[in-house]
C-alpha atoms as a PDB file:
ATOM      1  CA  MET A   1      12.191  -2.380  12.148  1.00  0.00           C
ATOM      2  CA  ALA A   2       9.387  -0.002  11.140  1.00  0.00           C
ATOM      3  CA  TYR A   3       5.737  -0.753  11.738  1.00  0.00           C
ATOM      4  CA  LYS A   4       3.707  -1.809   8.666  1.00  0.00           C
ATOM      5  CA  ILE A   5       0.048  -1.405   7.782  1.00  0.00           C
ATOM      6  CA  THR A   6      -1.488  -4.591   6.412  1.00  0.00           C
ATOM      7  CA  ALA A   7      -4.227  -5.013   3.789  1.00  0.00           C
ATOM      8  CA  SER A   8      -6.827  -5.246   6.589  1.00  0.00           C
ATOM      9  CA  CYS A   9      -6.545  -1.461   7.052  1.00  0.00           C
ATOM     10  CA  VAL A  10      -9.979   0.181   6.632  1.00  0.00           C
ATOM     11  CA  SER A  11      -8.458   3.652   6.011  1.00  0.00           C
ATOM     12  CA  CYS A  12     -10.256   5.167   9.060  1.00  0.00           C
ATOM     13  CA  GLY A  13      -7.389   7.634   9.748  1.00  0.00           C
ATOM     14  CA  SER A  14      -7.254   7.014  13.562  1.00  0.00           C
ATOM     15  CA  CYS A  15      -3.483   6.254  13.341  1.00  0.00           C
ATOM     16  CA  MET A  16      -2.395   9.506  11.607  1.00  0.00           C
ATOM     17  CA  PRO A  17      -2.802  11.949  14.500  1.00  0.00           C
ATOM     18  CA  GLU A  18      -1.037   9.489  16.851  1.00  0.00           C
ATOM     19  CA  CYS A  19       2.244   9.362  14.894  1.00  0.00           C
ATOM     20  CA  PRO A  20       4.733  11.851  16.490  1.00  0.00           C
ATOM     21  CA  VAL A  21       6.891  11.946  13.310  1.00  0.00           C
ATOM     22  CA  THR A  22       4.081  12.097  10.630  1.00  0.00           C
ATOM     23  CA  ALA A  23       5.289   8.887   9.062  1.00  0.00           C
ATOM     24  CA  ILE A  24       1.796   7.801   7.950  1.00  0.00           C
ATOM     25  CA  LYS A  25       0.316   8.626   4.571  1.00  0.00           C
ATOM     26  CA  GLU A  26      -3.247   8.294   3.484  1.00  0.00           C
ATOM     27  CA  GLY A  27      -4.242   5.547   1.052  1.00  0.00           C
ATOM     28  CA  THR A  28      -6.044   2.224   0.752  1.00  0.00           C
ATOM     29  CA  PRO A  29      -4.367   0.890   2.823  1.00  0.00           C
ATOM     30  CA  PHE A  30      -2.544   3.683   4.625  1.00  0.00           C
ATOM     31  CA  VAL A  31       1.176   3.496   4.412  1.00  0.00           C
ATOM     32  CA  ILE A  32       3.967   3.997   6.979  1.00  0.00           C
ATOM     33  CA  ASP A  33       7.242   5.535   5.724  1.00  0.00           C
ATOM     34  CA  ALA A  34       9.891   3.185   7.131  1.00  0.00           C
ATOM     35  CA  ALA A  35      12.534   5.803   6.991  1.00  0.00           C
ATOM     36  CA  LYS A  36      10.558   8.113   9.326  1.00  0.00           C
ATOM     37  CA  CYS A  37       8.985   5.470  11.634  1.00  0.00           C
ATOM     38  CA  ILE A  38      10.594   5.471  15.129  1.00  0.00           C
ATOM     39  CA  ASP A  39       8.929   2.200  16.237  1.00  0.00           C
ATOM     40  CA  CYS A  40       6.950   3.813  19.062  1.00  0.00           C
ATOM     41  CA  GLY A  41       3.808   1.758  18.427  1.00  0.00           C
ATOM     42  CA  ALA A  42       1.390   4.639  19.018  1.00  0.00           C
ATOM     43  CA  CYS A  43      -0.321   3.955  15.713  1.00  0.00           C
ATOM     44  CA  ALA A  44      -0.826   0.247  16.452  1.00  0.00           C
ATOM     45  CA  ASN A  45      -2.300   0.993  19.845  1.00  0.00           C
ATOM     46  CA  VAL A  46      -5.223   2.961  18.349  1.00  0.00           C
ATOM     47  CA  CYS A  47      -5.943   0.823  15.224  1.00  0.00           C
ATOM     48  CA  PRO A  48      -9.530  -0.482  15.544  1.00  0.00           C
ATOM     49  CA  VAL A  49      -8.941  -3.406  13.272  1.00  0.00           C
ATOM     50  CA  GLU A  50      -5.356  -4.284  14.404  1.00  0.00           C
ATOM     51  CA  ALA A  51      -4.044  -3.718  10.868  1.00  0.00           C
ATOM     52  CA  ILE A  52      -0.675  -2.306  12.061  1.00  0.00           C
ATOM     53  CA  LYS A  53       2.059  -4.784  12.872  1.00  0.00           C
ATOM     54  CA  ALA A  54       5.605  -4.498  14.141  1.00  0.00           C
END
């Protein structure tokens, strides 16, 4: 199952460079493309507000 970014996202962008498959798109909140996500968790590990959930 792909990771998801919740409404608590502050759109800081710290997750984008961590994604090895460029599955994260800018927005408010940011969005993870479930078809591209490889469930690595790199984005969730750097989120300062813990807005990214498995």
